[in-house]
Amino acid sequence: MTSTQPKTFTAEQQAVIAEIQFGTGSLRVEALAGAAKTTTIEAGVHALDPSPGEVLAVAFNKRIAEELKERLPFTCSTATLNSIGHRAWGGMINRKIQLDANKLYHLTTEALQAARVHEDEFIEVGLNVRRLVDGARNVGLIPASSLHPSMQRPVLEDSWENWEAIAENMDCDFN
């Protein structure tokens, strides 16, 4: 155990540790930031003394996944839900997926160049478009054209009114 672990655990933490040790199914821990989730998971897994392939710790973001990887026994796997999905999709299409961390920037730049947006407006318009897309993602707006027929409807309908509301909420100026 690391020095960041408390000497005593709360009743809730003890219940999580016991479920990790003795439970027979999956476990999901929900708690606020700073509630010692990583420390609790670490204590439970160390008490478990897992065999290789027995534990997969799924984290919300890459930073926490990397921290778990450092703190858990080497026999454990750690990942983000996003990375698990990418692996599954890559396996399905039988190739490794190459991610472009700046995809939105590249697509926006290409579109603005194709539209011949004037150099003076290029940066501001590009920032507004990227903010608008981020806002749409945050509220669950997915353009209907990108939905596979088997996918559920988006959280927010793809309409001009909703795009305008998102732009206003994100303080994007396209005038």
N, C-alpha and C. Protein backbone atom coordinates (compact mmCIF):
# COMPACT_ATOMS: atom_id res chain seq x y z
N MET A 1 0.83 -1.18 0.00
CA MET A 1 0.00 0.00 0.00
C MET A 1 0.88 1.25 0.00
N THR A 2 0.34 2.29 -0.62
CA THR A 2 1.11 3.53 -0.69
C THR A 2 0.80 4.41 0.50
N SER A 3 1.59 5.45 0.66
CA SER A 3 1.41 6.35 1.79
C SER A 3 0.16 7.21 1.65
N THR A 4 -0.46 7.23 0.46
CA THR A 4 -1.66 8.03 0.27
C THR A 4 -2.89 7.34 0.84
N GLN A 5 -2.78 6.09 1.23
CA GLN A 5 -3.93 5.37 1.74
C GLN A 5 -4.19 5.74 3.20
N PRO A 6 -5.49 5.89 3.55
CA PRO A 6 -5.79 6.21 4.94
C PRO A 6 -5.53 5.02 5.85
N LYS A 7 -5.28 5.30 7.13
CA LYS A 7 -5.04 4.22 8.10
C LYS A 7 -6.33 3.48 8.38
N THR A 8 -7.45 4.18 8.33
CA THR A 8 -8.75 3.55 8.52
C THR A 8 -9.65 3.90 7.34
N PHE A 9 -10.57 3.00 7.04
CA PHE A 9 -11.49 3.21 5.93
C PHE A 9 -12.89 3.43 6.48
N THR A 10 -13.69 4.19 5.75
CA THR A 10 -15.09 4.40 6.13
C THR A 10 -15.84 3.08 5.92
N ALA A 11 -17.06 3.03 6.42
CA ALA A 11 -17.88 1.82 6.25
C ALA A 11 -18.12 1.55 4.76
N GLU A 12 -18.33 2.61 3.98
CA GLU A 12 -18.56 2.44 2.54
C GLU A 12 -17.30 1.89 1.86
N GLN A 13 -16.14 2.43 2.25
CA GLN A 13 -14.89 1.93 1.66
C GLN A 13 -14.64 0.47 2.05
N GLN A 14 -14.93 0.13 3.30
CA GLN A 14 -14.77 -1.25 3.75
C GLN A 14 -15.69 -2.18 2.96
N ALA A 15 -16.91 -1.72 2.65
CA ALA A 15 -17.84 -2.53 1.87
C ALA A 15 -17.30 -2.76 0.45
N VAL A 16 -16.71 -1.73 -0.14
CA VAL A 16 -16.12 -1.87 -1.48
C VAL A 16 -14.95 -2.85 -1.44
N ILE A 17 -14.08 -2.69 -0.44
CA ILE A 17 -12.92 -3.58 -0.31
C ILE A 17 -13.38 -5.03 -0.13
N ALA A 18 -14.40 -5.25 0.70
CA ALA A 18 -14.93 -6.60 0.91
C ALA A 18 -15.54 -7.17 -0.36
N GLU A 19 -16.24 -6.33 -1.12
CA GLU A 19 -16.84 -6.80 -2.38
C GLU A 19 -15.74 -7.16 -3.39
N ILE A 20 -14.67 -6.39 -3.41
CA ILE A 20 -13.55 -6.72 -4.30
C ILE A 20 -12.96 -8.07 -3.90
N GLN A 21 -12.78 -8.28 -2.61
CA GLN A 21 -12.18 -9.52 -2.12
C GLN A 21 -13.09 -10.74 -2.28
N PHE A 22 -14.35 -10.58 -1.92
CA PHE A 22 -15.22 -11.75 -1.78
C PHE A 22 -16.40 -11.79 -2.72
N GLY A 23 -16.64 -10.71 -3.44
CA GLY A 23 -17.78 -10.66 -4.35
C GLY A 23 -17.59 -11.59 -5.54
N THR A 24 -18.69 -11.85 -6.22
CA THR A 24 -18.63 -12.79 -7.35
C THR A 24 -18.94 -12.13 -8.69
N GLY A 25 -19.27 -10.85 -8.68
CA GLY A 25 -19.63 -10.18 -9.93
C GLY A 25 -18.84 -8.93 -10.16
N SER A 26 -19.40 -8.07 -10.97
CA SER A 26 -18.78 -6.78 -11.28
C SER A 26 -19.09 -5.79 -10.16
N LEU A 27 -18.29 -4.76 -10.11
CA LEU A 27 -18.46 -3.73 -9.09
C LEU A 27 -18.29 -2.37 -9.73
N ARG A 28 -19.19 -1.47 -9.43
CA ARG A 28 -19.10 -0.09 -9.90
C ARG A 28 -19.10 0.81 -8.68
N VAL A 29 -18.12 1.69 -8.59
CA VAL A 29 -18.01 2.60 -7.46
C VAL A 29 -18.30 4.01 -7.95
N GLU A 30 -19.29 4.66 -7.33
CA GLU A 30 -19.62 6.04 -7.64
C GLU A 30 -19.36 6.88 -6.41
N ALA A 31 -18.55 7.91 -6.54
CA ALA A 31 -18.26 8.81 -5.43
C ALA A 31 -17.73 10.12 -6.00
N LEU A 32 -17.81 11.15 -5.20
CA LEU A 32 -17.34 12.47 -5.61
C LEU A 32 -15.83 12.50 -5.76
N ALA A 33 -15.35 13.51 -6.46
CA ALA A 33 -13.91 13.72 -6.59
C ALA A 33 -13.29 13.89 -5.21
N GLY A 34 -12.14 13.27 -5.01
CA GLY A 34 -11.44 13.39 -3.74
C GLY A 34 -11.93 12.45 -2.66
N ALA A 35 -12.83 11.53 -3.01
CA ALA A 35 -13.40 10.62 -2.01
C ALA A 35 -12.55 9.36 -1.82
N ALA A 36 -11.37 9.32 -2.38
CA ALA A 36 -10.41 8.21 -2.23
C ALA A 36 -10.86 6.94 -2.94
N LYS A 37 -11.49 7.10 -4.11
CA LYS A 37 -11.90 5.93 -4.89
C LYS A 37 -10.69 5.09 -5.31
N THR A 38 -9.68 5.75 -5.84
CA THR A 38 -8.49 5.03 -6.30
C THR A 38 -7.81 4.31 -5.15
N THR A 39 -7.72 4.97 -4.02
CA THR A 39 -7.10 4.38 -2.82
C THR A 39 -7.90 3.17 -2.35
N THR A 40 -9.22 3.29 -2.38
CA THR A 40 -10.09 2.19 -1.95
C THR A 40 -9.96 1.00 -2.90
N ILE A 41 -9.97 1.27 -4.18
CA ILE A 41 -9.81 0.20 -5.18
C ILE A 41 -8.45 -0.46 -5.01
N GLU A 42 -7.43 0.36 -4.81
CA GLU A 42 -6.08 -0.18 -4.61
C GLU A 42 -6.04 -1.11 -3.40
N ALA A 43 -6.62 -0.69 -2.29
CA ALA A 43 -6.62 -1.52 -1.08
C ALA A 43 -7.35 -2.83 -1.31
N GLY A 44 -8.48 -2.76 -2.01
CA GLY A 44 -9.25 -3.97 -2.29
C GLY A 44 -8.51 -4.93 -3.19
N VAL A 45 -7.89 -4.42 -4.21
CA VAL A 45 -7.16 -5.28 -5.15
C VAL A 45 -5.93 -5.88 -4.49
N HIS A 46 -5.23 -5.10 -3.68
CA HIS A 46 -4.07 -5.65 -2.96
C HIS A 46 -4.51 -6.76 -2.01
N ALA A 47 -5.66 -6.60 -1.38
CA ALA A 47 -6.18 -7.64 -0.48
C ALA A 47 -6.57 -8.88 -1.26
N LEU A 48 -6.98 -8.69 -2.51
CA LEU A 48 -7.41 -9.80 -3.36
C LEU A 48 -6.23 -10.64 -3.83
N ASP A 49 -5.08 -10.00 -4.08
CA ASP A 49 -3.89 -10.66 -4.62
C ASP A 49 -4.25 -11.41 -5.90
N PRO A 50 -4.62 -10.68 -6.95
CA PRO A 50 -5.17 -11.29 -8.15
C PRO A 50 -4.18 -12.05 -9.03
N SER A 51 -4.73 -13.02 -9.72
CA SER A 51 -3.97 -13.75 -10.74
C SER A 51 -4.00 -12.92 -12.02
N PRO A 52 -3.04 -13.15 -12.93
CA PRO A 52 -3.06 -12.42 -14.20
C PRO A 52 -4.39 -12.60 -14.94
N GLY A 53 -4.92 -11.50 -15.46
CA GLY A 53 -6.16 -11.54 -16.22
C GLY A 53 -7.42 -11.55 -15.37
N GLU A 54 -7.28 -11.53 -14.06
CA GLU A 54 -8.44 -11.62 -13.18
C GLU A 54 -9.09 -10.26 -12.92
N VAL A 55 -8.31 -9.16 -13.00
CA VAL A 55 -8.82 -7.84 -12.66
C VAL A 55 -8.64 -6.88 -13.83
N LEU A 56 -9.74 -6.21 -14.17
CA LEU A 56 -9.72 -5.09 -15.11
C LEU A 56 -10.31 -3.90 -14.38
N ALA A 57 -9.50 -2.88 -14.14
CA ALA A 57 -9.96 -1.66 -13.50
C ALA A 57 -10.22 -0.63 -14.60
N VAL A 58 -11.47 -0.18 -14.71
CA VAL A 58 -11.86 0.77 -15.75
C VAL A 58 -11.99 2.15 -15.12
N ALA A 59 -11.27 3.11 -15.68
CA ALA A 59 -11.25 4.47 -15.16
C ALA A 59 -11.95 5.42 -16.12
N PHE A 60 -12.36 6.56 -15.57
CA PHE A 60 -13.06 7.56 -16.37
C PHE A 60 -12.13 8.23 -17.38
N ASN A 61 -10.90 8.49 -16.98
CA ASN A 61 -10.00 9.16 -17.91
C ASN A 61 -8.62 8.50 -17.91
N LYS A 62 -7.82 8.87 -18.89
CA LYS A 62 -6.51 8.25 -19.07
C LYS A 62 -5.57 8.49 -17.89
N ARG A 63 -5.64 9.68 -17.31
CA ARG A 63 -4.76 10.00 -16.17
C ARG A 63 -5.03 9.04 -15.01
N ILE A 64 -6.29 8.80 -14.70
CA ILE A 64 -6.63 7.89 -13.60
C ILE A 64 -6.28 6.45 -13.98
N ALA A 65 -6.48 6.07 -15.23
CA ALA A 65 -6.10 4.72 -15.67
C ALA A 65 -4.60 4.50 -15.49
N GLU A 66 -3.81 5.52 -15.84
CA GLU A 66 -2.36 5.42 -15.67
C GLU A 66 -1.98 5.36 -14.19
N GLU A 67 -2.66 6.14 -13.37
CA GLU A 67 -2.39 6.11 -11.93
C GLU A 67 -2.73 4.73 -11.35
N LEU A 68 -3.86 4.17 -11.76
CA LEU A 68 -4.23 2.83 -11.30
C LEU A 68 -3.19 1.80 -11.74
N LYS A 69 -2.72 1.94 -12.96
CA LYS A 69 -1.71 1.01 -13.47
C LYS A 69 -0.46 1.01 -12.60
N GLU A 70 -0.06 2.20 -12.14
CA GLU A 70 1.11 2.32 -11.26
C GLU A 70 0.85 1.75 -9.87
N ARG A 71 -0.38 1.88 -9.39
CA ARG A 71 -0.68 1.53 -8.01
C ARG A 71 -1.19 0.10 -7.82
N LEU A 72 -1.69 -0.51 -8.88
CA LEU A 72 -2.21 -1.87 -8.76
C LEU A 72 -1.12 -2.89 -9.10
N PRO A 73 -1.29 -4.13 -8.65
CA PRO A 73 -0.29 -5.17 -8.99
C PRO A 73 -0.14 -5.30 -10.51
N PHE A 74 1.03 -5.73 -10.94
CA PHE A 74 1.30 -5.84 -12.37
C PHE A 74 0.38 -6.85 -13.07
N THR A 75 -0.26 -7.71 -12.30
CA THR A 75 -1.16 -8.71 -12.88
C THR A 75 -2.50 -8.12 -13.31
N CYS A 76 -2.77 -6.87 -12.93
CA CYS A 76 -4.04 -6.22 -13.24
C CYS A 76 -3.96 -5.45 -14.55
N SER A 77 -5.09 -5.36 -15.21
CA SER A 77 -5.20 -4.53 -16.41
C SER A 77 -5.97 -3.28 -16.05
N THR A 78 -5.58 -2.16 -16.65
CA THR A 78 -6.31 -0.91 -16.47
C THR A 78 -6.60 -0.33 -17.83
N ALA A 79 -7.72 0.38 -17.93
CA ALA A 79 -8.11 0.97 -19.21
C ALA A 79 -9.18 2.01 -18.97
N THR A 80 -9.43 2.83 -19.98
CA THR A 80 -10.59 3.70 -19.96
C THR A 80 -11.68 3.00 -20.76
N LEU A 81 -12.93 3.38 -20.53
CA LEU A 81 -14.02 2.79 -21.29
C LEU A 81 -13.83 3.08 -22.77
N ASN A 82 -13.34 4.28 -23.06
CA ASN A 82 -13.07 4.66 -24.44
C ASN A 82 -12.04 3.74 -25.09
N SER A 83 -10.96 3.42 -24.36
CA SER A 83 -9.93 2.56 -24.95
C SER A 83 -10.45 1.13 -25.15
N ILE A 84 -11.32 0.67 -24.27
CA ILE A 84 -11.92 -0.65 -24.44
C ILE A 84 -12.78 -0.67 -25.70
N GLY A 85 -13.55 0.40 -25.90
CA GLY A 85 -14.37 0.50 -27.11
C GLY A 85 -13.53 0.54 -28.37
N HIS A 86 -12.41 1.27 -28.33
CA HIS A 86 -11.53 1.35 -29.51
C HIS A 86 -10.93 -0.03 -29.81
N ARG A 87 -10.52 -0.74 -28.75
CA ARG A 87 -9.98 -2.08 -28.96
C ARG A 87 -11.02 -3.01 -29.57
N ALA A 88 -12.24 -2.93 -29.05
CA ALA A 88 -13.32 -3.79 -29.57
C ALA A 88 -13.61 -3.46 -31.03
N TRP A 89 -13.69 -2.17 -31.35
CA TRP A 89 -13.96 -1.77 -32.73
C TRP A 89 -12.80 -2.18 -33.65
N GLY A 90 -11.57 -1.97 -33.18
CA GLY A 90 -10.42 -2.37 -33.98
C GLY A 90 -10.41 -3.87 -34.24
N GLY A 91 -10.81 -4.66 -33.23
CA GLY A 91 -10.90 -6.11 -33.42
C GLY A 91 -11.99 -6.48 -34.41
N MET A 92 -13.08 -5.72 -34.37
CA MET A 92 -14.20 -5.98 -35.27
C MET A 92 -13.83 -5.70 -36.72
N ILE A 93 -13.08 -4.63 -36.95
CA ILE A 93 -12.71 -4.29 -38.32
C ILE A 93 -11.34 -4.86 -38.70
N ASN A 94 -10.75 -5.58 -37.75
CA ASN A 94 -9.50 -6.31 -37.97
C ASN A 94 -8.31 -5.41 -38.33
N ARG A 95 -8.24 -4.26 -37.66
CA ARG A 95 -7.07 -3.40 -37.80
C ARG A 95 -7.02 -2.44 -36.62
N LYS A 96 -5.82 -1.92 -36.38
CA LYS A 96 -5.64 -0.96 -35.30
C LYS A 96 -6.19 0.40 -35.74
N ILE A 97 -6.89 1.04 -34.84
CA ILE A 97 -7.47 2.35 -35.14
C ILE A 97 -6.44 3.42 -34.83
N GLN A 98 -6.22 4.29 -35.80
CA GLN A 98 -5.30 5.42 -35.60
C GLN A 98 -6.13 6.63 -35.17
N LEU A 99 -5.87 7.12 -33.97
CA LEU A 99 -6.61 8.27 -33.48
C LEU A 99 -5.91 9.56 -33.87
N ASP A 100 -6.69 10.55 -34.20
CA ASP A 100 -6.18 11.88 -34.47
C ASP A 100 -6.69 12.77 -33.34
N ALA A 101 -5.83 13.09 -32.40
CA ALA A 101 -6.22 13.89 -31.24
C ALA A 101 -6.70 15.28 -31.65
N ASN A 102 -6.33 15.72 -32.83
CA ASN A 102 -6.72 17.05 -33.32
C ASN A 102 -7.66 16.96 -34.52
N LYS A 103 -8.47 15.90 -34.56
CA LYS A 103 -9.34 15.68 -35.71
C LYS A 103 -10.27 16.87 -35.97
N LEU A 104 -10.91 17.37 -34.93
CA LEU A 104 -11.84 18.49 -35.11
C LEU A 104 -11.11 19.72 -35.66
N TYR A 105 -9.91 19.99 -35.15
CA TYR A 105 -9.12 21.11 -35.65
C TYR A 105 -8.80 20.92 -37.13
N HIS A 106 -8.36 19.72 -37.49
CA HIS A 106 -8.00 19.47 -38.88
C HIS A 106 -9.21 19.58 -39.81
N LEU A 107 -10.36 19.02 -39.39
CA LEU A 107 -11.56 19.09 -40.21
C LEU A 107 -12.04 20.54 -40.36
N THR A 108 -11.99 21.29 -39.26
CA THR A 108 -12.41 22.69 -39.29
C THR A 108 -11.50 23.50 -40.20
N THR A 109 -10.21 23.32 -40.06
CA THR A 109 -9.25 24.05 -40.89
C THR A 109 -9.47 23.74 -42.37
N GLU A 110 -9.64 22.46 -42.68
CA GLU A 110 -9.87 22.05 -44.07
C GLU A 110 -11.15 22.68 -44.62
N ALA A 111 -12.22 22.67 -43.83
CA ALA A 111 -13.50 23.25 -44.28
C ALA A 111 -13.40 24.75 -44.46
N LEU A 112 -12.72 25.43 -43.55
CA LEU A 112 -12.58 26.88 -43.67
C LEU A 112 -11.71 27.26 -44.86
N GLN A 113 -10.70 26.47 -45.13
CA GLN A 113 -9.86 26.73 -46.32
C GLN A 113 -10.68 26.51 -47.59
N ALA A 114 -11.47 25.44 -47.61
CA ALA A 114 -12.30 25.15 -48.78
C ALA A 114 -13.35 26.25 -48.99
N ALA A 115 -13.85 26.82 -47.88
CA ALA A 115 -14.84 27.90 -47.97
C ALA A 115 -14.19 29.25 -48.22
N ARG A 116 -12.86 29.25 -48.27
CA ARG A 116 -12.08 30.47 -48.52
C ARG A 116 -12.41 31.59 -47.53
N VAL A 117 -12.48 31.19 -46.25
CA VAL A 117 -12.69 32.16 -45.19
C VAL A 117 -11.47 33.07 -45.15
N HIS A 118 -11.72 34.36 -45.04
CA HIS A 118 -10.63 35.33 -45.06
C HIS A 118 -9.70 35.11 -43.87
N GLU A 119 -8.43 35.33 -44.10
CA GLU A 119 -7.38 35.13 -43.10
C GLU A 119 -7.66 35.85 -41.79
N ASP A 120 -8.23 37.06 -41.86
CA ASP A 120 -8.53 37.83 -40.66
C ASP A 120 -9.58 37.15 -39.77
N GLU A 121 -10.47 36.38 -40.37
CA GLU A 121 -11.56 35.74 -39.63
C GLU A 121 -11.29 34.27 -39.34
N PHE A 122 -10.27 33.72 -39.95
CA PHE A 122 -10.01 32.28 -39.92
C PHE A 122 -9.94 31.73 -38.49
N ILE A 123 -9.12 32.34 -37.64
CA ILE A 123 -8.91 31.82 -36.28
C ILE A 123 -10.19 31.92 -35.46
N GLU A 124 -10.85 33.09 -35.52
CA GLU A 124 -12.06 33.29 -34.72
C GLU A 124 -13.19 32.35 -35.15
N VAL A 125 -13.40 32.23 -36.46
CA VAL A 125 -14.46 31.34 -36.95
C VAL A 125 -14.13 29.89 -36.59
N GLY A 126 -12.88 29.51 -36.75
CA GLY A 126 -12.47 28.14 -36.40
C GLY A 126 -12.72 27.83 -34.93
N LEU A 127 -12.36 28.76 -34.05
CA LEU A 127 -12.60 28.57 -32.62
C LEU A 127 -14.09 28.45 -32.32
N ASN A 128 -14.90 29.30 -32.95
CA ASN A 128 -16.35 29.24 -32.73
C ASN A 128 -16.95 27.92 -33.22
N VAL A 129 -16.50 27.45 -34.35
CA VAL A 129 -17.01 26.17 -34.87
C VAL A 129 -16.63 25.04 -33.92
N ARG A 130 -15.39 25.02 -33.45
CA ARG A 130 -14.97 23.95 -32.53
C ARG A 130 -15.72 24.04 -31.20
N ARG A 131 -15.96 25.24 -30.71
CA ARG A 131 -16.74 25.39 -29.47
C ARG A 131 -18.17 24.92 -29.69
N LEU A 132 -18.74 25.22 -30.84
CA LEU A 132 -20.10 24.80 -31.16
C LEU A 132 -20.19 23.27 -31.20
N VAL A 133 -19.24 22.64 -31.85
CA VAL A 133 -19.23 21.17 -31.92
C VAL A 133 -19.05 20.57 -30.52
N ASP A 134 -18.16 21.13 -29.72
CA ASP A 134 -17.99 20.64 -28.34
C ASP A 134 -19.29 20.79 -27.55
N GLY A 135 -19.97 21.93 -27.72
CA GLY A 135 -21.25 22.14 -27.04
C GLY A 135 -22.29 21.12 -27.47
N ALA A 136 -22.33 20.83 -28.77
CA ALA A 136 -23.28 19.84 -29.29
C ALA A 136 -22.98 18.46 -28.72
N ARG A 137 -21.72 18.11 -28.64
CA ARG A 137 -21.33 16.82 -28.05
C ARG A 137 -21.77 16.73 -26.60
N ASN A 138 -21.57 17.83 -25.86
CA ASN A 138 -21.90 17.84 -24.44
C ASN A 138 -23.39 17.64 -24.17
N VAL A 139 -24.24 18.11 -25.08
CA VAL A 139 -25.68 17.95 -24.86
C VAL A 139 -26.25 16.75 -25.62
N GLY A 140 -25.41 16.01 -26.32
CA GLY A 140 -25.85 14.78 -26.97
C GLY A 140 -26.44 14.96 -28.35
N LEU A 141 -26.18 16.08 -29.00
CA LEU A 141 -26.68 16.29 -30.35
C LEU A 141 -25.76 15.57 -31.33
N ILE A 142 -26.34 14.67 -32.06
CA ILE A 142 -25.60 13.92 -33.07
C ILE A 142 -26.33 14.11 -34.39
N PRO A 143 -25.67 14.64 -35.41
CA PRO A 143 -26.36 14.80 -36.70
C PRO A 143 -26.98 13.49 -37.16
N ALA A 144 -28.24 13.55 -37.57
CA ALA A 144 -28.98 12.34 -37.97
C ALA A 144 -28.24 11.58 -39.07
N SER A 145 -27.53 12.30 -39.93
CA SER A 145 -26.83 11.65 -41.04
C SER A 145 -25.70 10.73 -40.55
N SER A 146 -25.23 10.92 -39.31
CA SER A 146 -24.13 10.10 -38.82
C SER A 146 -24.63 8.90 -38.01
N LEU A 147 -25.95 8.78 -37.84
CA LEU A 147 -26.50 7.67 -37.06
C LEU A 147 -26.70 6.43 -37.93
N HIS A 148 -26.24 5.30 -37.45
CA HIS A 148 -26.52 4.02 -38.09
C HIS A 148 -27.97 3.68 -37.77
N PRO A 149 -28.71 3.03 -38.67
CA PRO A 149 -30.11 2.71 -38.40
C PRO A 149 -30.34 1.95 -37.09
N SER A 150 -29.35 1.19 -36.63
CA SER A 150 -29.53 0.42 -35.40
C SER A 150 -29.29 1.25 -34.14
N MET A 151 -28.76 2.48 -34.30
CA MET A 151 -28.44 3.31 -33.14
C MET A 151 -29.69 3.99 -32.61
N GLN A 152 -29.69 4.24 -31.29
CA GLN A 152 -30.79 4.96 -30.67
C GLN A 152 -30.77 6.41 -31.12
N ARG A 153 -31.91 7.06 -30.99
CA ARG A 153 -32.00 8.47 -31.31
C ARG A 153 -31.07 9.28 -30.40
N PRO A 154 -30.55 10.40 -30.88
CA PRO A 154 -29.70 11.23 -30.03
C PRO A 154 -30.52 11.85 -28.90
N VAL A 155 -29.82 12.31 -27.89
CA VAL A 155 -30.47 12.96 -26.76
C VAL A 155 -31.18 14.23 -27.22
N LEU A 156 -30.58 14.94 -28.13
CA LEU A 156 -31.14 16.20 -28.61
C LEU A 156 -31.31 16.11 -30.12
N GLU A 157 -32.49 16.51 -30.60
CA GLU A 157 -32.81 16.44 -32.03
C GLU A 157 -31.89 17.38 -32.82
N ASP A 158 -31.48 16.92 -33.98
CA ASP A 158 -30.63 17.69 -34.88
C ASP A 158 -31.51 18.69 -35.64
N SER A 159 -31.59 19.93 -35.12
CA SER A 159 -32.41 20.95 -35.77
C SER A 159 -31.66 22.29 -35.74
N TRP A 160 -32.06 23.17 -36.64
CA TRP A 160 -31.45 24.49 -36.71
C TRP A 160 -31.63 25.24 -35.39
N GLU A 161 -32.82 25.11 -34.78
CA GLU A 161 -33.12 25.80 -33.51
C GLU A 161 -32.18 25.31 -32.40
N ASN A 162 -31.94 24.01 -32.34
CA ASN A 162 -31.05 23.48 -31.30
C ASN A 162 -29.60 23.91 -31.53
N TRP A 163 -29.16 23.94 -32.79
CA TRP A 163 -27.80 24.43 -33.08
C TRP A 163 -27.67 25.90 -32.67
N GLU A 164 -28.71 26.70 -32.95
CA GLU A 164 -28.67 28.11 -32.55
C GLU A 164 -28.61 28.26 -31.03
N ALA A 165 -29.40 27.45 -30.32
CA ALA A 165 -29.40 27.50 -28.85
C ALA A 165 -28.03 27.12 -28.29
N ILE A 166 -27.42 26.11 -28.88
CA ILE A 166 -26.08 25.70 -28.43
C ILE A 166 -25.08 26.81 -28.70
N ALA A 167 -25.15 27.41 -29.88
CA ALA A 167 -24.23 28.51 -30.22
C ALA A 167 -24.39 29.66 -29.24
N GLU A 168 -25.64 29.99 -28.89
CA GLU A 168 -25.88 31.07 -27.94
C GLU A 168 -25.34 30.69 -26.56
N ASN A 169 -25.58 29.46 -26.14
CA ASN A 169 -25.11 29.00 -24.83
C ASN A 169 -23.59 28.95 -24.76
N MET A 170 -22.93 28.62 -25.86
CA MET A 170 -21.47 28.53 -25.91
C MET A 170 -20.85 29.88 -26.22
N ASP A 171 -21.70 30.90 -26.41
CA ASP A 171 -21.26 32.26 -26.72
C ASP A 171 -20.43 32.28 -28.00
N CYS A 172 -20.93 31.56 -29.01
CA CYS A 172 -20.27 31.54 -30.32
C CYS A 172 -20.91 32.63 -31.18
N ASP A 173 -20.08 33.43 -31.83
CA ASP A 173 -20.57 34.52 -32.66
C ASP A 173 -20.23 34.23 -34.10
N PHE A 174 -21.28 34.03 -34.92
CA PHE A 174 -21.07 33.74 -36.33
C PHE A 174 -21.57 34.89 -37.22
N ASN A 175 -21.82 36.05 -36.64
CA ASN A 175 -22.31 37.20 -37.43
C ASN A 175 -21.16 37.95 -38.04
